[in-house]
Amino acid sequence: MDCSGVGLLFDRIIKEAFFIANELLINEQITDREVRVIGENGEQLGIMSRMEALKAAEAADLDLVNISPKAAPPVCKIMDYGKYRFEQGKRQKEAKKNQKIITLKETRLSPTIDVHDMQVKAKNTAKFLAGGDKVKVSIRFRGRQLSHTDNGLNVMNTFLTMLDNATVEKPAKMEGRNMFMILAPKN
């Protein structure tokens, strides 16, 4: 049995179902007997039969769009459907453009890190923060280092003083063999 293409068919069916779910019923697609009609300027025209509503929309040379199909009776609005979809697409693109995805970067230190190495790590962390990302600073304790967690805390505090564009979102805290804190960019 050849199953090549079954995945593609399934993906297409899912996409079509999603598209249909996001589409509104317009004009003759509306099957309800009575609908509550809203005019093109937002005024209530009242409850009327589907045919009367279609005639009113046709007289205004616009479409009858079912905007709330689950209401009793369903709410339909007289509007230009093509213009409505264009405006909605524009709003979605604008909203997507304005979204800033914040990622969590990580900087790893050790309890015995040298000053110059810490300066290099601080410089890289400052770049992450300048880019608007949050940074998780972590120290892993190995073997006997676990009994000297105060050294790790001193390293964290020294590292924090090297960064002038950071605020502490979560203070330094031990979790198993690791100590970590989360830094956010200063606004």
N, C-alpha and C. Protein backbone atom coordinates (compact mmCIF):
# COMPACT_ATOMS: atom_id res chain seq x y z
N MET A 1 0.85 -1.19 0.00
CA MET A 1 0.00 0.00 0.00
C MET A 1 0.88 1.24 0.00
N ASP A 2 0.62 2.16 -0.91
CA ASP A 2 1.43 3.37 -1.03
C ASP A 2 0.78 4.49 -0.23
N CYS A 3 1.50 5.02 0.75
CA CYS A 3 0.96 6.08 1.63
C CYS A 3 1.64 7.41 1.37
N SER A 4 2.38 7.53 0.26
CA SER A 4 3.04 8.81 0.00
C SER A 4 1.98 9.84 -0.37
N GLY A 5 2.04 10.97 0.24
CA GLY A 5 1.07 12.02 -0.03
C GLY A 5 -0.06 12.09 0.96
N VAL A 6 -0.17 11.10 1.85
CA VAL A 6 -1.24 11.12 2.86
C VAL A 6 -1.03 12.30 3.79
N GLY A 7 0.23 12.54 4.18
CA GLY A 7 0.54 13.67 5.06
C GLY A 7 0.19 14.99 4.42
N LEU A 8 0.48 15.13 3.12
CA LEU A 8 0.16 16.36 2.42
C LEU A 8 -1.34 16.58 2.35
N LEU A 9 -2.09 15.51 2.09
CA LEU A 9 -3.54 15.61 2.03
C LEU A 9 -4.09 16.02 3.39
N PHE A 10 -3.58 15.40 4.45
CA PHE A 10 -4.03 15.71 5.80
C PHE A 10 -3.74 17.17 6.14
N ASP A 11 -2.53 17.66 5.79
CA ASP A 11 -2.17 19.06 6.05
C ASP A 11 -3.12 20.00 5.31
N ARG A 12 -3.46 19.66 4.07
CA ARG A 12 -4.35 20.50 3.28
C ARG A 12 -5.74 20.56 3.90
N ILE A 13 -6.23 19.41 4.38
CA ILE A 13 -7.55 19.36 5.02
C ILE A 13 -7.56 20.22 6.27
N ILE A 14 -6.50 20.14 7.07
CA ILE A 14 -6.41 20.94 8.30
C ILE A 14 -6.39 22.43 7.95
N LYS A 15 -5.59 22.82 6.95
CA LYS A 15 -5.52 24.23 6.55
C LYS A 15 -6.87 24.73 6.06
N GLU A 16 -7.58 23.92 5.27
CA GLU A 16 -8.89 24.32 4.78
C GLU A 16 -9.88 24.47 5.92
N ALA A 17 -9.84 23.55 6.88
CA ALA A 17 -10.73 23.63 8.04
C ALA A 17 -10.44 24.89 8.85
N PHE A 18 -9.16 25.24 9.00
CA PHE A 18 -8.79 26.46 9.73
C PHE A 18 -9.29 27.69 8.98
N PHE A 19 -9.14 27.68 7.63
CA PHE A 19 -9.58 28.81 6.82
C PHE A 19 -11.09 28.98 6.92
N ILE A 20 -11.83 27.86 6.85
CA ILE A 20 -13.29 27.92 6.94
C ILE A 20 -13.71 28.42 8.32
N ALA A 21 -13.01 27.99 9.37
CA ALA A 21 -13.36 28.41 10.73
C ALA A 21 -13.16 29.91 10.91
N ASN A 22 -12.21 30.50 10.18
CA ASN A 22 -11.96 31.93 10.31
C ASN A 22 -12.80 32.77 9.36
N GLU A 23 -13.50 32.15 8.44
CA GLU A 23 -14.33 32.87 7.49
C GLU A 23 -15.71 33.14 8.08
N LEU A 24 -16.27 34.27 7.72
CA LEU A 24 -17.62 34.60 8.15
C LEU A 24 -18.59 34.25 7.02
N LEU A 25 -19.81 33.92 7.38
CA LEU A 25 -20.83 33.63 6.37
C LEU A 25 -21.33 34.94 5.78
N ILE A 26 -21.49 34.97 4.45
CA ILE A 26 -21.96 36.19 3.80
C ILE A 26 -23.11 35.87 2.85
N ASN A 27 -23.98 36.84 2.67
CA ASN A 27 -25.10 36.81 1.75
C ASN A 27 -25.87 35.49 1.75
N GLU A 28 -25.86 34.72 0.65
CA GLU A 28 -26.66 33.50 0.53
C GLU A 28 -26.14 32.35 1.40
N GLN A 29 -24.95 32.46 1.94
CA GLN A 29 -24.42 31.41 2.82
C GLN A 29 -25.14 31.39 4.17
N ILE A 30 -25.77 32.50 4.52
CA ILE A 30 -26.50 32.59 5.79
C ILE A 30 -27.79 31.79 5.65
N THR A 31 -28.03 30.84 6.57
CA THR A 31 -29.19 29.95 6.46
C THR A 31 -30.26 30.22 7.51
N ASP A 32 -30.02 31.11 8.45
CA ASP A 32 -30.99 31.37 9.51
C ASP A 32 -32.21 32.10 8.97
N ARG A 33 -33.39 31.80 9.55
CA ARG A 33 -34.62 32.44 9.09
C ARG A 33 -34.67 33.91 9.47
N GLU A 34 -34.36 34.19 10.74
CA GLU A 34 -34.40 35.57 11.22
C GLU A 34 -33.03 35.97 11.72
N VAL A 35 -32.67 37.22 11.46
CA VAL A 35 -31.38 37.75 11.91
C VAL A 35 -31.57 39.16 12.46
N ARG A 36 -30.70 39.53 13.39
CA ARG A 36 -30.67 40.91 13.88
C ARG A 36 -29.71 41.66 12.96
N VAL A 37 -30.16 42.76 12.39
CA VAL A 37 -29.37 43.46 11.38
C VAL A 37 -28.84 44.78 11.93
N ILE A 38 -27.56 45.01 11.65
CA ILE A 38 -26.90 46.28 11.99
C ILE A 38 -26.54 46.94 10.67
N GLY A 39 -26.87 48.22 10.54
CA GLY A 39 -26.60 48.95 9.31
C GLY A 39 -25.12 49.22 9.12
N GLU A 40 -24.78 49.80 7.95
CA GLU A 40 -23.37 50.04 7.64
C GLU A 40 -22.73 51.08 8.55
N ASN A 41 -23.52 51.96 9.15
CA ASN A 41 -22.99 52.98 10.05
C ASN A 41 -23.08 52.57 11.52
N GLY A 42 -23.51 51.32 11.79
CA GLY A 42 -23.57 50.83 13.15
C GLY A 42 -24.93 50.96 13.81
N GLU A 43 -25.93 51.48 13.09
CA GLU A 43 -27.27 51.64 13.69
C GLU A 43 -28.03 50.32 13.63
N GLN A 44 -28.85 50.09 14.64
CA GLN A 44 -29.67 48.87 14.72
C GLN A 44 -30.85 48.99 13.75
N LEU A 45 -30.98 48.03 12.85
CA LEU A 45 -32.13 48.01 11.94
C LEU A 45 -33.21 47.05 12.44
N GLY A 46 -32.90 46.30 13.51
CA GLY A 46 -33.88 45.41 14.12
C GLY A 46 -33.79 43.99 13.61
N ILE A 47 -34.75 43.17 14.09
CA ILE A 47 -34.81 41.77 13.68
C ILE A 47 -35.69 41.66 12.45
N MET A 48 -35.17 40.99 11.43
CA MET A 48 -35.95 40.82 10.19
C MET A 48 -35.61 39.47 9.57
N SER A 49 -36.39 39.09 8.59
CA SER A 49 -36.14 37.81 7.93
C SER A 49 -34.85 37.91 7.11
N ARG A 50 -34.30 36.76 6.78
CA ARG A 50 -33.05 36.73 6.02
C ARG A 50 -33.22 37.40 4.66
N MET A 51 -34.37 37.17 4.01
CA MET A 51 -34.60 37.75 2.68
C MET A 51 -34.67 39.27 2.74
N GLU A 52 -35.36 39.81 3.78
CA GLU A 52 -35.44 41.27 3.93
C GLU A 52 -34.05 41.85 4.16
N ALA A 53 -33.25 41.17 4.97
CA ALA A 53 -31.90 41.64 5.26
C ALA A 53 -31.04 41.62 3.99
N LEU A 54 -31.18 40.56 3.19
CA LEU A 54 -30.43 40.47 1.94
C LEU A 54 -30.84 41.58 0.97
N LYS A 55 -32.15 41.89 0.92
CA LYS A 55 -32.63 42.97 0.05
C LYS A 55 -32.08 44.32 0.52
N ALA A 56 -32.04 44.53 1.84
CA ALA A 56 -31.50 45.79 2.38
C ALA A 56 -30.01 45.93 2.04
N ALA A 57 -29.28 44.83 2.13
CA ALA A 57 -27.85 44.87 1.80
C ALA A 57 -27.65 45.10 0.31
N GLU A 58 -28.49 44.47 -0.50
CA GLU A 58 -28.39 44.63 -1.95
C GLU A 58 -28.75 46.05 -2.36
N ALA A 59 -29.73 46.65 -1.68
CA ALA A 59 -30.12 48.03 -1.98
C ALA A 59 -28.97 48.99 -1.68
N ALA A 60 -28.18 48.69 -0.65
CA ALA A 60 -27.05 49.55 -0.30
C ALA A 60 -25.80 49.17 -1.10
N ASP A 61 -25.92 48.16 -1.98
CA ASP A 61 -24.81 47.65 -2.79
C ASP A 61 -23.65 47.17 -1.92
N LEU A 62 -24.02 46.48 -0.83
CA LEU A 62 -23.03 45.93 0.11
C LEU A 62 -23.36 44.47 0.40
N ASP A 63 -22.60 43.86 1.28
CA ASP A 63 -22.80 42.45 1.65
C ASP A 63 -23.44 42.35 3.02
N LEU A 64 -24.17 41.26 3.23
CA LEU A 64 -24.73 40.94 4.55
C LEU A 64 -23.78 39.91 5.16
N VAL A 65 -23.15 40.28 6.28
CA VAL A 65 -22.12 39.43 6.90
C VAL A 65 -22.59 39.00 8.27
N ASN A 66 -22.57 37.68 8.52
CA ASN A 66 -22.96 37.13 9.81
C ASN A 66 -21.76 37.27 10.76
N ILE A 67 -21.79 38.28 11.65
CA ILE A 67 -20.64 38.54 12.51
C ILE A 67 -20.71 37.80 13.84
N SER A 68 -21.92 37.38 14.24
CA SER A 68 -22.07 36.64 15.50
C SER A 68 -23.08 35.51 15.29
N PRO A 69 -22.64 34.37 14.75
CA PRO A 69 -23.57 33.30 14.41
C PRO A 69 -24.17 32.58 15.62
N LYS A 70 -23.53 32.66 16.78
CA LYS A 70 -24.01 31.92 17.95
C LYS A 70 -25.04 32.70 18.76
N ALA A 71 -25.26 33.96 18.44
CA ALA A 71 -26.24 34.77 19.17
C ALA A 71 -27.65 34.31 18.79
N ALA A 72 -28.63 34.68 19.62
CA ALA A 72 -30.02 34.33 19.32
C ALA A 72 -30.83 35.62 19.21
N PRO A 73 -31.30 36.03 18.09
CA PRO A 73 -31.00 35.56 16.73
C PRO A 73 -29.60 36.01 16.30
N PRO A 74 -29.02 35.35 15.29
CA PRO A 74 -27.67 35.70 14.83
C PRO A 74 -27.59 37.16 14.39
N VAL A 75 -26.44 37.78 14.67
CA VAL A 75 -26.25 39.20 14.34
C VAL A 75 -25.54 39.29 12.99
N CYS A 76 -26.15 40.06 12.08
CA CYS A 76 -25.57 40.28 10.76
C CYS A 76 -25.35 41.77 10.57
N LYS A 77 -24.30 42.12 9.85
CA LYS A 77 -24.01 43.52 9.60
C LYS A 77 -23.92 43.75 8.10
N ILE A 78 -24.42 44.89 7.68
CA ILE A 78 -24.33 45.27 6.27
C ILE A 78 -23.02 46.03 6.10
N MET A 79 -22.11 45.45 5.28
CA MET A 79 -20.79 46.07 5.08
C MET A 79 -20.17 45.56 3.79
N ASP A 80 -19.09 46.20 3.38
CA ASP A 80 -18.32 45.74 2.23
C ASP A 80 -17.36 44.67 2.73
N TYR A 81 -17.63 43.41 2.39
CA TYR A 81 -16.87 42.29 2.95
C TYR A 81 -15.42 42.28 2.48
N GLY A 82 -15.17 42.62 1.24
CA GLY A 82 -13.80 42.67 0.72
C GLY A 82 -12.96 43.69 1.48
N LYS A 83 -13.55 44.85 1.72
CA LYS A 83 -12.85 45.90 2.47
C LYS A 83 -12.60 45.46 3.91
N TYR A 84 -13.59 44.77 4.50
CA TYR A 84 -13.48 44.29 5.88
C TYR A 84 -12.32 43.30 6.00
N ARG A 85 -12.21 42.35 5.06
CA ARG A 85 -11.12 41.36 5.11
C ARG A 85 -9.77 42.02 4.91
N PHE A 86 -9.71 43.02 4.03
CA PHE A 86 -8.46 43.75 3.80
C PHE A 86 -8.01 44.46 5.07
N GLU A 87 -8.97 45.16 5.73
CA GLU A 87 -8.66 45.88 6.97
C GLU A 87 -8.21 44.91 8.06
N GLN A 88 -8.89 43.76 8.15
CA GLN A 88 -8.56 42.77 9.17
C GLN A 88 -7.15 42.22 8.93
N GLY A 89 -6.81 41.95 7.69
CA GLY A 89 -5.46 41.47 7.35
C GLY A 89 -4.40 42.51 7.69
N LYS A 90 -4.72 43.78 7.42
CA LYS A 90 -3.79 44.86 7.75
C LYS A 90 -3.55 44.95 9.25
N ARG A 91 -4.64 44.82 10.03
CA ARG A 91 -4.53 44.87 11.50
C ARG A 91 -3.69 43.71 12.03
N GLN A 92 -3.88 42.52 11.45
CA GLN A 92 -3.11 41.35 11.90
C GLN A 92 -1.63 41.51 11.57
N LYS A 93 -1.31 42.04 10.39
CA LYS A 93 0.08 42.27 10.03
C LYS A 93 0.72 43.29 10.95
N GLU A 94 -0.03 44.35 11.27
CA GLU A 94 0.48 45.40 12.16
C GLU A 94 0.73 44.85 13.56
N ALA A 95 -0.20 44.02 14.05
CA ALA A 95 -0.04 43.42 15.38
C ALA A 95 1.17 42.48 15.40
N LYS A 96 1.36 41.73 14.32
CA LYS A 96 2.49 40.81 14.25
C LYS A 96 3.80 41.58 14.19
N LYS A 97 3.79 42.71 13.49
CA LYS A 97 5.00 43.52 13.35
C LYS A 97 5.39 44.14 14.69
N ASN A 98 4.40 44.51 15.50
CA ASN A 98 4.67 45.17 16.78
C ASN A 98 5.04 44.20 17.89
N GLN A 99 4.89 42.90 17.66
CA GLN A 99 5.24 41.93 18.70
C GLN A 99 6.75 41.79 18.78
N LYS A 100 7.27 41.84 19.99
CA LYS A 100 8.70 41.64 20.21
C LYS A 100 8.86 40.32 20.93
N ILE A 101 9.55 39.40 20.30
CA ILE A 101 9.78 38.09 20.90
C ILE A 101 11.02 38.19 21.78
N ILE A 102 10.83 37.97 23.07
CA ILE A 102 11.94 38.04 24.02
C ILE A 102 12.46 36.62 24.23
N THR A 103 13.75 36.45 23.97
CA THR A 103 14.35 35.14 24.17
C THR A 103 15.21 35.18 25.43
N LEU A 104 15.43 34.02 25.99
CA LEU A 104 16.24 33.90 27.20
C LEU A 104 17.61 33.36 26.79
N LYS A 105 18.63 34.20 26.88
CA LYS A 105 20.00 33.80 26.59
C LYS A 105 20.64 33.34 27.89
N GLU A 106 21.74 32.61 27.80
CA GLU A 106 22.40 32.13 29.01
C GLU A 106 23.88 32.44 28.98
N THR A 107 24.40 32.90 30.12
CA THR A 107 25.82 33.12 30.31
C THR A 107 26.26 32.23 31.46
N ARG A 108 27.27 31.40 31.21
CA ARG A 108 27.74 30.48 32.25
C ARG A 108 29.05 30.99 32.84
N LEU A 109 29.10 31.01 34.14
CA LEU A 109 30.29 31.41 34.87
C LEU A 109 30.74 30.24 35.73
N SER A 110 31.92 30.37 36.33
CA SER A 110 32.36 29.36 37.30
C SER A 110 32.74 30.10 38.58
N PRO A 111 32.75 29.42 39.72
CA PRO A 111 33.07 30.10 40.97
C PRO A 111 34.52 30.60 41.02
N THR A 112 35.38 30.07 40.15
CA THR A 112 36.80 30.46 40.16
C THR A 112 37.17 31.22 38.89
N ILE A 113 36.22 31.95 38.31
CA ILE A 113 36.47 32.66 37.06
C ILE A 113 37.44 33.83 37.29
N ASP A 114 38.30 34.08 36.32
CA ASP A 114 39.27 35.16 36.41
C ASP A 114 38.59 36.48 36.02
N VAL A 115 39.18 37.61 36.41
CA VAL A 115 38.58 38.92 36.19
C VAL A 115 38.41 39.21 34.70
N HIS A 116 39.46 38.94 33.90
CA HIS A 116 39.37 39.24 32.47
C HIS A 116 38.30 38.38 31.79
N ASP A 117 38.23 37.12 32.16
CA ASP A 117 37.20 36.24 31.59
C ASP A 117 35.80 36.76 31.94
N MET A 118 35.66 37.25 33.17
CA MET A 118 34.36 37.79 33.59
C MET A 118 34.02 39.05 32.80
N GLN A 119 35.04 39.88 32.48
CA GLN A 119 34.80 41.09 31.70
C GLN A 119 34.32 40.74 30.29
N VAL A 120 34.92 39.70 29.69
CA VAL A 120 34.50 39.25 28.35
C VAL A 120 33.06 38.76 28.39
N LYS A 121 32.72 37.96 29.41
CA LYS A 121 31.35 37.45 29.56
C LYS A 121 30.37 38.61 29.79
N ALA A 122 30.79 39.60 30.57
CA ALA A 122 29.94 40.76 30.85
C ALA A 122 29.69 41.56 29.56
N LYS A 123 30.71 41.66 28.72
CA LYS A 123 30.56 42.38 27.45
C LYS A 123 29.54 41.68 26.55
N ASN A 124 29.64 40.35 26.47
CA ASN A 124 28.68 39.58 25.66
C ASN A 124 27.27 39.68 26.24
N THR A 125 27.17 39.62 27.55
CA THR A 125 25.86 39.73 28.20
C THR A 125 25.25 41.10 27.95
N ALA A 126 26.08 42.15 27.96
CA ALA A 126 25.60 43.51 27.69
C ALA A 126 25.02 43.60 26.27
N LYS A 127 25.64 42.87 25.32
CA LYS A 127 25.11 42.85 23.94
C LYS A 127 23.73 42.19 23.91
N PHE A 128 23.58 41.09 24.65
CA PHE A 128 22.28 40.42 24.70
C PHE A 128 21.22 41.36 25.27
N LEU A 129 21.57 42.04 26.36
CA LEU A 129 20.61 42.94 27.01
C LEU A 129 20.28 44.13 26.11
N ALA A 130 21.27 44.64 25.38
CA ALA A 130 21.03 45.75 24.46
C ALA A 130 20.08 45.33 23.33
N GLY A 131 20.11 44.05 22.98
CA GLY A 131 19.21 43.52 21.96
C GLY A 131 17.80 43.27 22.48
N GLY A 132 17.57 43.50 23.77
CA GLY A 132 16.23 43.33 24.34
C GLY A 132 15.96 41.95 24.90
N ASP A 133 16.98 41.09 24.97
CA ASP A 133 16.79 39.73 25.48
C ASP A 133 17.03 39.67 26.98
N LYS A 134 16.41 38.70 27.62
CA LYS A 134 16.69 38.42 29.02
C LYS A 134 17.88 37.47 29.07
N VAL A 135 18.63 37.51 30.17
CA VAL A 135 19.82 36.68 30.29
C VAL A 135 19.78 35.90 31.59
N LYS A 136 20.02 34.60 31.49
CA LYS A 136 20.13 33.75 32.67
C LYS A 136 21.62 33.55 32.94
N VAL A 137 22.08 34.04 34.09
CA VAL A 137 23.47 33.89 34.48
C VAL A 137 23.55 32.71 35.43
N SER A 138 24.37 31.71 35.09
CA SER A 138 24.42 30.51 35.93
C SER A 138 25.85 30.14 36.29
N ILE A 139 25.98 29.57 37.47
CA ILE A 139 27.26 29.05 37.96
C ILE A 139 27.04 27.61 38.36
N ARG A 140 27.88 26.72 37.85
CA ARG A 140 27.79 25.30 38.23
C ARG A 140 28.91 24.97 39.21
N PHE A 141 28.53 24.40 40.34
CA PHE A 141 29.50 24.02 41.36
C PHE A 141 29.84 22.54 41.18
N ARG A 142 31.14 22.23 41.18
CA ARG A 142 31.60 20.86 41.01
C ARG A 142 32.38 20.43 42.26
N GLY A 143 32.13 19.22 42.69
CA GLY A 143 32.89 18.64 43.80
C GLY A 143 32.85 19.47 45.07
N ARG A 144 34.04 19.84 45.57
CA ARG A 144 34.14 20.59 46.82
C ARG A 144 33.67 22.03 46.70
N GLN A 145 33.54 22.54 45.48
CA GLN A 145 33.07 23.92 45.30
C GLN A 145 31.68 24.10 45.90
N LEU A 146 30.93 23.02 46.00
CA LEU A 146 29.56 23.10 46.51
C LEU A 146 29.52 23.58 47.96
N SER A 147 30.60 23.36 48.70
CA SER A 147 30.61 23.82 50.10
C SER A 147 30.98 25.30 50.20
N HIS A 148 31.36 25.94 49.08
CA HIS A 148 31.72 27.36 49.08
C HIS A 148 30.80 28.14 48.14
N THR A 149 29.51 28.04 48.37
CA THR A 149 28.55 28.75 47.51
C THR A 149 28.65 30.26 47.69
N ASP A 150 29.22 30.71 48.82
CA ASP A 150 29.38 32.15 49.03
C ASP A 150 30.33 32.75 47.99
N ASN A 151 31.33 31.97 47.50
CA ASN A 151 32.20 32.44 46.42
C ASN A 151 31.38 32.68 45.15
N GLY A 152 30.44 31.79 44.89
CA GLY A 152 29.58 31.94 43.72
C GLY A 152 28.72 33.19 43.83
N LEU A 153 28.22 33.47 45.02
CA LEU A 153 27.41 34.67 45.24
C LEU A 153 28.24 35.93 45.02
N ASN A 154 29.50 35.91 45.48
CA ASN A 154 30.40 37.05 45.25
C ASN A 154 30.65 37.25 43.76
N VAL A 155 30.84 36.14 43.03
CA VAL A 155 31.06 36.22 41.58
C VAL A 155 29.83 36.83 40.90
N MET A 156 28.64 36.40 41.31
CA MET A 156 27.39 36.94 40.74
C MET A 156 27.29 38.44 40.99
N ASN A 157 27.57 38.88 42.21
CA ASN A 157 27.48 40.30 42.54
C ASN A 157 28.51 41.12 41.78
N THR A 158 29.74 40.60 41.65
CA THR A 158 30.78 41.28 40.88
C THR A 158 30.36 41.39 39.41
N PHE A 159 29.81 40.31 38.88
CA PHE A 159 29.35 40.29 37.49
C PHE A 159 28.25 41.32 37.28
N LEU A 160 27.35 41.42 38.24
CA LEU A 160 26.23 42.37 38.14
C LEU A 160 26.73 43.81 38.15
N THR A 161 27.77 44.10 38.94
CA THR A 161 28.30 45.48 38.98
C THR A 161 28.97 45.85 37.66
N MET A 162 29.41 44.87 36.88
CA MET A 162 30.03 45.15 35.57
C MET A 162 28.99 45.53 34.53
N LEU A 163 27.73 45.21 34.78
CA LEU A 163 26.65 45.50 33.82
C LEU A 163 25.88 46.73 34.29
N ASP A 164 25.87 47.77 33.48
CA ASP A 164 25.14 48.97 33.87
C ASP A 164 23.74 49.04 33.24
N ASN A 165 23.46 48.20 32.26
CA ASN A 165 22.15 48.24 31.60
C ASN A 165 21.28 47.04 31.96
N ALA A 166 21.44 46.52 33.20
CA ALA A 166 20.69 45.33 33.60
C ALA A 166 19.96 45.55 34.91
N THR A 167 18.78 44.95 35.01
CA THR A 167 18.05 44.90 36.27
C THR A 167 17.84 43.43 36.61
N VAL A 168 17.84 43.14 37.89
CA VAL A 168 17.68 41.75 38.34
C VAL A 168 16.20 41.41 38.35
N GLU A 169 15.82 40.43 37.52
CA GLU A 169 14.43 39.99 37.50
C GLU A 169 14.20 38.91 38.55
N LYS A 170 15.15 37.98 38.67
CA LYS A 170 15.12 36.96 39.72
C LYS A 170 16.49 36.96 40.38
N PRO A 171 16.56 37.19 41.68
CA PRO A 171 17.86 37.23 42.35
C PRO A 171 18.54 35.86 42.36
N ALA A 172 19.85 35.87 42.70
CA ALA A 172 20.64 34.64 42.71
C ALA A 172 20.05 33.63 43.67
N LYS A 173 19.95 32.38 43.20
CA LYS A 173 19.32 31.34 43.99
C LYS A 173 19.94 29.99 43.62
N MET A 174 20.12 29.15 44.62
CA MET A 174 20.67 27.81 44.39
C MET A 174 19.57 26.85 43.98
N GLU A 175 19.90 25.99 43.02
CA GLU A 175 18.99 24.94 42.60
C GLU A 175 19.83 23.72 42.27
N GLY A 176 19.93 22.80 43.22
CA GLY A 176 20.80 21.64 43.04
C GLY A 176 22.25 22.06 43.10
N ARG A 177 23.02 21.77 42.05
CA ARG A 177 24.43 22.16 41.98
C ARG A 177 24.61 23.50 41.27
N ASN A 178 23.54 24.12 40.84
CA ASN A 178 23.63 25.36 40.07
C ASN A 178 23.08 26.54 40.85
N MET A 179 23.72 27.69 40.65
CA MET A 179 23.20 28.95 41.16
C MET A 179 22.88 29.78 39.93
N PHE A 180 21.72 30.42 39.93
CA PHE A 180 21.40 31.24 38.76
C PHE A 180 20.61 32.47 39.16
N MET A 181 20.68 33.47 38.29
CA MET A 181 19.83 34.66 38.41
C MET A 181 19.44 35.08 37.00
N ILE A 182 18.32 35.77 36.90
CA ILE A 182 17.84 36.21 35.59
C ILE A 182 17.88 37.73 35.54
N LEU A 183 18.50 38.24 34.48
CA LEU A 183 18.64 39.68 34.27
C LEU A 183 17.75 40.11 33.11
N ALA A 184 17.21 41.31 33.23
CA ALA A 184 16.39 41.89 32.16
C ALA A 184 16.99 43.23 31.77
N PRO A 185 16.76 43.69 30.54
CA PRO A 185 17.30 44.99 30.15
C PRO A 185 16.63 46.13 30.91
N LYS A 186 17.39 47.16 31.20
CA LYS A 186 16.86 48.33 31.90
C LYS A 186 16.08 49.17 30.89
N ASN A 187 14.94 49.68 31.30
CA ASN A 187 14.13 50.49 30.38
C ASN A 187 14.45 51.94 30.49
